[in-house]
């Protein structure tokens, strides 16, 4: 079987696993106070062009989102988010479980607009009863979005400007950040992400690591006592070295970028296979997630040879499906998929 379900089905990239094995018998201090974690932080800050930022490592995406958002917001505040945003639709109420409301905005292929953010904030404070309402305390976006789409540099600059004028932080979920930065035709760099956001994270789980996300805090006024909060959320890994070693490997010799570019290139090949056959693209994604609307008989035939996700409930005659490439996807896998599609 071919597997296109998601980008975290396999273990770790061989170079990451090699470093874990090389350091396996070493004994180092816990909780990320080791030399490998220090080196990983140094490499990340250099790549971000943000020497004064702070880096923290957590294990998974939902854990990271809920901990960061809980740490940023005051008790009476909520988080602005696209109605299709991951924290709103695929995190089982993790944000609400911390006592904070997700305040939804219209979604445009997964993205929010600066004008909608501005209008929400202006409308909120123009209501004389706003003290009785959940205040918009921060903006959450993901790069790429839940639909694999990416913000342009202009769109990010507009969102950042709105947030800074309103005095609320911009938080960027980067679970698949590498794929967003490698998107065909994209004009956003890692340095742009660091410059325009107040806090963001670099996803490792979906980009070659066994597990792990690197939170980068660029706003010196935020999350100054983050480690105790991480521990309160049950998210502080005692064997923190395992996170540091992995990110040191990912940010050595451009491995993170190499993994991301390779996955996106294979996703573009995959997309072109379906387009050449005349099938409909549901969302025009330039990243490693690809969405198609296929006739149900085609879906059923493909499922005999490959695994992938149904994106929403099955339709009466056709259904939306998602194919995702990962670091283990090979050119041979794409060749075989092309044979199946064209059979």
Protein backbone atom coordinates (compact mmCIF):
# COMPACT_ATOMS: atom_id res chain seq x y z
CA UNK A 1 0.00 0.00 0.00
CA UNK A 2 1.00 3.57 -0.64
CA UNK A 3 0.49 5.94 2.28
CA UNK A 4 -0.53 9.58 1.89
CA UNK A 5 -2.55 10.02 5.10
CA UNK A 6 -0.31 12.58 6.77
CA UNK A 7 3.30 13.69 7.23
CA UNK A 8 3.95 12.08 10.62
CA UNK A 9 3.33 8.42 9.83
CA UNK A 10 7.04 7.49 9.87
CA UNK A 11 9.59 7.79 12.65
CA UNK A 12 12.43 10.26 12.18
CA UNK A 13 14.65 11.28 9.30
CA UNK A 14 17.79 9.09 9.29
CA UNK A 15 20.05 12.05 10.12
CA UNK A 16 17.88 12.88 13.13
CA UNK A 17 17.83 9.25 14.24
CA UNK A 18 21.58 9.01 13.75
CA UNK A 19 22.16 11.91 16.17
CA UNK A 20 19.78 10.39 18.70
CA UNK A 21 21.69 7.11 18.54
CA UNK A 22 25.08 8.83 18.75
CA UNK A 23 24.07 10.59 21.96
CA UNK A 24 21.93 7.80 23.40
CA UNK A 25 24.31 6.69 26.16
CA UNK A 26 25.30 10.17 27.25
CA UNK A 27 24.07 11.44 30.59
CA UNK A 28 23.02 15.08 30.58
CA UNK A 29 20.95 17.39 32.80
CA UNK A 30 17.20 17.23 32.31
CA UNK A 31 14.43 19.59 31.22
CA UNK A 32 16.37 21.08 28.32
CA UNK A 33 19.32 22.39 30.31
CA UNK A 34 21.82 20.32 28.32
CA UNK A 35 24.39 21.43 25.75
CA UNK A 36 22.49 19.98 22.78
CA UNK A 37 19.40 22.01 23.55
CA UNK A 38 21.55 25.13 23.96
CA UNK A 39 23.12 24.50 20.56
CA UNK A 40 19.74 23.90 18.94
CA UNK A 41 18.46 27.20 20.32
CA UNK A 42 21.52 28.97 18.96
CA UNK A 43 21.02 27.50 15.48
CA UNK A 44 17.32 28.37 15.45
CA UNK A 45 17.87 31.98 16.53
CA UNK A 46 20.55 32.37 13.87
CA UNK A 47 18.19 31.01 11.20
CA UNK A 48 15.43 33.36 12.41
CA UNK A 49 17.70 36.40 12.47
CA UNK A 50 16.39 37.06 15.97
CA UNK A 51 19.31 36.85 18.42
CA UNK A 52 17.32 38.33 21.31
CA UNK A 53 14.35 35.96 21.01
CA UNK A 54 13.75 33.04 23.35
CA UNK A 55 13.30 29.40 22.31
CA UNK A 56 11.37 26.73 24.19
CA UNK A 57 10.82 23.11 23.15
CA UNK A 58 7.57 21.20 23.58
CA UNK A 59 6.50 17.79 22.32
CA UNK A 60 3.41 18.24 20.14
CA UNK A 61 1.28 20.80 18.33
CA UNK A 62 -1.93 20.81 20.37
CA UNK A 63 0.12 20.90 23.57
CA UNK A 64 2.08 23.85 22.19
CA UNK A 65 -0.98 25.78 21.02
CA UNK A 66 -2.84 25.38 24.30
CA UNK A 67 0.18 26.25 26.45
CA UNK A 68 1.21 29.33 24.44
CA UNK A 69 -2.33 30.68 24.15
CA UNK A 70 -3.04 30.12 27.84
CA UNK A 71 0.20 31.88 28.70
CA UNK A 72 -0.45 34.91 26.51
CA UNK A 73 -4.10 35.57 27.34
CA UNK A 74 -5.54 37.21 30.42
CA UNK A 75 -8.38 35.32 32.06
CA UNK A 76 -11.08 37.42 30.40
CA UNK A 77 -9.59 37.17 26.90
CA UNK A 78 -10.12 34.88 23.92
CA UNK A 79 -8.14 34.13 20.78
CA UNK A 80 -9.12 35.27 17.29
CA UNK A 81 -8.89 32.49 14.72
CA UNK A 82 -10.21 31.49 11.29
CA UNK A 83 -13.35 29.40 11.62
CA UNK A 84 -11.39 26.64 9.83
CA UNK A 85 -8.36 27.07 12.12
CA UNK A 86 -6.81 24.04 13.75
CA UNK A 87 -7.50 25.24 17.30
CA UNK A 88 -11.17 25.62 16.38
CA UNK A 89 -11.85 22.41 14.48
CA UNK A 90 -9.25 19.74 15.27
CA UNK A 91 -8.04 20.15 18.84
CA UNK A 92 -10.97 18.76 20.81
CA UNK A 93 -11.64 21.98 22.68
CA UNK A 94 -8.07 22.15 24.06
CA UNK A 95 -8.13 25.95 24.11
CA UNK A 96 -11.54 26.13 25.75
CA UNK A 97 -10.32 23.61 28.33
CA UNK A 98 -7.82 26.23 29.53
CA UNK A 99 -10.69 28.67 30.13
CA UNK A 100 -10.30 30.73 26.95
CA UNK A 101 -12.79 31.14 24.13
CA UNK A 102 -11.93 30.76 20.43
CA UNK A 103 -13.35 33.81 18.63
CA UNK A 104 -13.90 32.84 15.02
CA UNK A 105 -13.40 34.92 11.89
CA UNK A 106 -14.40 34.19 8.27
CA UNK A 107 -12.05 31.79 6.52
CA UNK A 108 -10.83 32.33 2.97
CA UNK A 109 -9.28 29.00 1.96
CA UNK A 110 -8.03 28.76 5.53
CA UNK A 111 -6.78 32.35 5.83
CA UNK A 112 -8.11 35.39 7.70
CA UNK A 113 -8.06 38.93 6.36
CA UNK A 114 -6.59 41.95 8.11
CA UNK A 115 -9.80 43.88 7.50
CA UNK A 116 -11.89 41.23 9.29
CA UNK A 117 -9.49 41.27 12.26
CA UNK A 118 -9.64 45.07 12.41
CA UNK A 119 -13.44 45.11 12.11
CA UNK A 120 -13.85 42.53 14.87
CA UNK A 121 -11.69 44.52 17.27
CA UNK A 122 -13.29 47.87 16.35
CA UNK A 123 -16.80 46.46 16.70
CA UNK A 124 -15.97 44.88 20.03
CA UNK A 125 -14.71 48.10 21.61
CA UNK A 126 -17.47 50.22 20.11
CA UNK A 127 -20.00 48.21 22.14
CA UNK A 128 -20.44 49.98 25.47
CA UNK A 129 -21.06 46.61 27.15
CA UNK A 130 -17.72 45.14 26.05
CA UNK A 131 -16.60 44.70 29.66
CA UNK A 132 -19.19 41.92 29.86
CA UNK A 133 -17.81 40.13 26.79
CA UNK A 134 -14.78 37.98 25.97
CA UNK A 135 -12.10 40.35 24.71
CA UNK A 136 -9.95 39.60 21.64
CA UNK A 137 -6.57 39.12 23.31
CA UNK A 138 -4.49 37.69 20.47
CA UNK A 139 -4.65 36.48 16.87
CA UNK A 140 -3.85 32.88 15.94
CA UNK A 141 -3.03 31.91 12.37
CA UNK A 142 -1.22 28.92 10.92
CA UNK A 143 1.42 28.90 8.21
CA UNK A 144 0.52 26.99 6.16
CA UNK A 145 -3.18 26.88 6.96
CA UNK A 146 -5.38 23.88 7.63
CA UNK A 147 -5.96 23.77 3.85
CA UNK A 148 -2.31 23.94 2.88
CA UNK A 149 -2.56 27.53 1.69
CA UNK A 150 0.00 30.19 2.61
CA UNK A 151 -0.15 33.87 3.39
CA UNK A 152 1.76 36.22 1.14
CA UNK A 153 4.30 38.56 2.69
CA UNK A 154 1.91 41.46 2.11
CA UNK A 155 -0.92 39.65 3.90
CA UNK A 156 1.32 38.83 6.87
CA UNK A 157 2.54 42.42 7.07
CA UNK A 158 -1.06 43.67 7.09
CA UNK A 159 -2.07 41.24 9.84
CA UNK A 160 0.99 42.16 11.89
CA UNK A 161 0.24 45.86 11.52
CA UNK A 162 -3.38 45.43 12.62
CA UNK A 163 -2.32 43.40 15.67
CA UNK A 164 0.35 45.87 16.72
CA UNK A 165 -1.95 48.84 16.36
CA UNK A 166 -4.55 47.04 18.46
CA UNK A 167 -1.95 45.95 21.02
CA UNK A 168 -2.61 42.22 20.66
CA UNK A 169 0.04 39.56 19.90
CA UNK A 170 0.18 37.62 16.64
CA UNK A 171 0.80 33.90 17.18
CA UNK A 172 1.73 31.73 14.19
CA UNK A 173 1.19 27.98 14.36
CA UNK A 174 4.09 26.51 12.41
CA UNK A 175 3.37 22.80 12.76
CA UNK A 176 4.09 22.55 9.02
CA UNK A 177 6.15 25.74 8.79
CA UNK A 178 8.83 24.18 6.61
CA UNK A 179 6.32 23.31 3.92
CA UNK A 180 4.86 26.81 3.98
CA UNK A 181 8.30 28.35 3.55
CA UNK A 182 9.07 25.92 0.69
CA UNK A 183 5.77 26.59 -1.10
CA UNK A 184 6.06 27.12 -4.82
CA UNK A 185 5.81 30.85 -5.54
CA UNK A 186 5.90 31.84 -1.86
CA UNK A 187 7.62 35.05 -0.80
CA UNK A 188 7.83 34.57 2.97
CA UNK A 189 11.05 33.63 4.77
CA UNK A 190 11.73 32.37 8.28
CA UNK A 191 13.16 35.78 9.11
CA UNK A 192 9.86 37.37 7.97
CA UNK A 193 7.92 35.04 10.28
CA UNK A 194 10.15 36.04 13.20
CA UNK A 195 9.95 39.73 12.35
CA UNK A 196 6.19 39.93 11.93
CA UNK A 197 4.95 37.68 14.73
CA UNK A 198 5.17 37.96 18.50
CA UNK A 199 5.46 34.23 19.04
CA UNK A 200 5.52 31.30 16.61
CA UNK A 201 6.70 27.75 16.52
CA UNK A 202 8.74 25.63 14.17
CA UNK A 203 7.17 22.21 13.79
CA UNK A 204 9.38 19.16 13.99
CA UNK A 205 6.82 16.37 14.39
CA UNK A 206 5.57 16.80 10.82
CA UNK A 207 8.92 17.77 9.32
CA UNK A 208 11.32 14.92 10.03
CA UNK A 209 11.52 14.67 13.84
CA UNK A 210 10.21 11.86 16.01
CA UNK A 211 8.36 14.58 17.91
CA UNK A 212 8.89 18.17 18.97
CA UNK A 213 8.00 21.80 18.32
CA UNK A 214 10.29 24.80 18.85
CA UNK A 215 8.48 27.84 20.24
CA UNK A 216 10.19 31.14 19.35
CA UNK A 217 9.14 34.16 21.42
CA UNK A 218 10.19 37.39 19.70
CA UNK A 219 8.15 39.78 21.86
CA UNK A 220 10.19 40.32 25.03
CA UNK A 221 7.01 41.20 26.96
CA UNK A 222 5.47 37.76 26.44
CA UNK A 223 5.87 34.44 28.22
CA UNK A 224 8.72 35.51 30.51
CA UNK A 225 7.95 32.67 32.93
CA UNK A 226 7.09 30.07 30.32
CA UNK A 227 8.83 27.03 31.82
CA UNK A 228 6.59 26.87 34.93
CA UNK A 229 3.54 27.22 32.67
CA UNK A 230 4.80 24.40 30.44
CA UNK A 231 5.17 22.23 33.52
CA UNK A 232 1.69 23.14 34.76
CA UNK A 233 0.37 21.90 31.42
CA UNK A 234 2.21 18.60 31.85
CA UNK A 235 4.29 19.51 28.83
CA UNK A 236 7.82 19.74 30.24
CA UNK A 237 9.84 16.77 29.02
CA UNK A 238 12.29 15.45 31.62
CA UNK A 239 14.51 14.03 28.88
CA UNK A 240 14.58 17.43 27.19
CA UNK A 241 17.82 16.54 25.44
CA UNK A 242 15.80 14.42 23.01
CA UNK A 243 14.19 17.60 21.70
CA UNK A 244 17.44 19.53 21.55
CA UNK A 245 19.31 16.79 19.70
CA UNK A 246 16.57 16.52 17.07
CA UNK A 247 16.37 20.24 16.38
CA UNK A 248 20.14 20.53 16.33
CA UNK A 249 20.12 17.92 13.55
CA UNK A 250 17.25 19.58 11.67
CA UNK A 251 18.98 22.96 11.69
CA UNK A 252 22.40 21.65 10.69
CA UNK A 253 23.44 21.84 7.02
CA UNK A 254 19.96 22.92 5.90
CA UNK A 255 18.24 19.60 6.67
CA UNK A 256 14.93 21.24 7.65
CA UNK A 257 14.78 23.10 4.34
CA UNK A 258 15.82 20.02 2.35
CA UNK A 259 13.07 17.87 3.87
CA UNK A 260 10.48 20.58 3.25
CA UNK A 261 11.44 21.26 -0.35
CA UNK A 262 11.52 17.58 -1.25
CA UNK A 263 8.04 16.99 0.19
CA UNK A 264 6.58 20.00 -1.61
CA UNK A 265 8.13 18.97 -4.92
CA UNK A 266 6.57 15.53 -4.65
CA UNK A 267 3.21 17.05 -3.68
CA UNK A 268 3.29 19.21 -6.81
CA UNK A 269 3.96 16.10 -8.90
CA UNK A 270 1.05 14.36 -7.19
CA UNK A 271 -1.24 17.32 -7.83
CA UNK A 272 -0.37 17.38 -11.52
CA UNK A 273 -1.29 13.70 -11.84
CA UNK A 274 -4.86 14.39 -10.74
CA UNK A 275 -5.10 17.58 -12.78
CA UNK A 276 -3.95 15.79 -15.93
CA UNK A 277 -6.73 13.27 -15.40
CA UNK A 278 -9.28 16.10 -15.24
CA UNK A 279 -10.12 15.82 -11.55
CA UNK A 280 -11.03 18.89 -9.51
CA UNK A 281 -8.75 20.54 -7.00
CA UNK A 282 -10.81 21.47 -3.96
CA UNK A 283 -8.24 23.93 -2.59
CA UNK A 284 -5.30 25.22 -4.61
CA UNK A 285 -2.54 24.36 -2.15
CA UNK A 286 1.14 24.99 -2.95
CA UNK A 287 2.37 22.88 -0.02
CA UNK A 288 2.56 19.19 0.87
CA UNK A 289 -1.18 18.89 1.55
CA UNK A 290 -3.30 18.41 -1.59
CA UNK A 291 -7.09 18.36 -1.71
CA UNK A 292 -9.23 16.90 -4.48
CA UNK A 293 -12.92 16.39 -5.15
CA UNK A 294 -13.22 12.94 -6.65
CA UNK A 295 -16.11 10.74 -7.81
CA UNK A 296 -16.85 8.12 -5.18
CA UNK A 297 -16.03 5.18 -7.48
CA UNK A 298 -12.57 6.72 -8.01
CA UNK A 299 -12.14 7.15 -4.25
CA UNK A 300 -13.07 3.52 -3.65
CA UNK A 301 -10.71 2.28 -6.34
CA UNK A 302 -7.81 4.32 -4.97
CA UNK A 303 -8.42 3.06 -1.43
CA UNK A 304 -7.60 -0.46 -2.60
CA UNK A 305 -4.06 0.66 -3.41
CA UNK A 306 -3.37 3.69 -1.20
CA UNK A 307 -4.33 5.27 2.09
CA UNK A 308 -5.36 8.93 2.36
CA UNK A 309 -7.89 10.96 4.33
CA UNK A 310 -11.51 11.73 3.64
CA UNK A 311 -11.78 15.48 4.27
CA UNK A 312 -15.21 15.69 5.82
CA UNK A 313 -18.13 13.29 5.37
CA UNK A 314 -18.48 11.19 2.23
CA UNK A 315 -20.72 12.83 -0.37
CA UNK A 316 -23.53 11.18 -2.28
CA UNK A 317 -21.67 11.06 -5.60
CA UNK A 318 -18.26 12.63 -4.93
CA UNK A 319 -16.08 13.33 -1.90
CA UNK A 320 -13.24 15.62 -0.87
CA UNK A 321 -10.01 13.80 -0.06
CA UNK A 322 -6.59 14.88 1.19
CA UNK A 323 -3.25 13.50 0.07
CA UNK A 324 -0.13 14.43 2.08
CA UNK A 325 3.51 13.83 1.23
CA UNK A 326 6.13 13.29 3.93
CA UNK A 327 9.88 12.85 4.18
CA UNK A 328 9.56 9.15 3.35
CA UNK A 329 7.55 9.75 0.16
CA UNK A 330 9.67 8.70 -2.81
CA UNK A 331 9.57 9.45 -6.52
CA UNK A 332 8.73 5.79 -6.96
CA UNK A 333 5.67 6.25 -4.74
CA UNK A 334 4.48 9.08 -6.98
CA UNK A 335 5.18 7.01 -10.09
CA UNK A 336 3.12 4.15 -8.68
CA UNK A 337 0.28 6.50 -7.77
CA UNK A 338 0.27 7.81 -11.32
CA UNK A 339 -0.07 4.26 -12.63
CA UNK A 340 -3.03 3.63 -10.30
CA UNK A 341 -4.78 6.90 -11.20
CA UNK A 342 -4.36 6.24 -14.92
CA UNK A 343 -5.32 2.57 -14.79
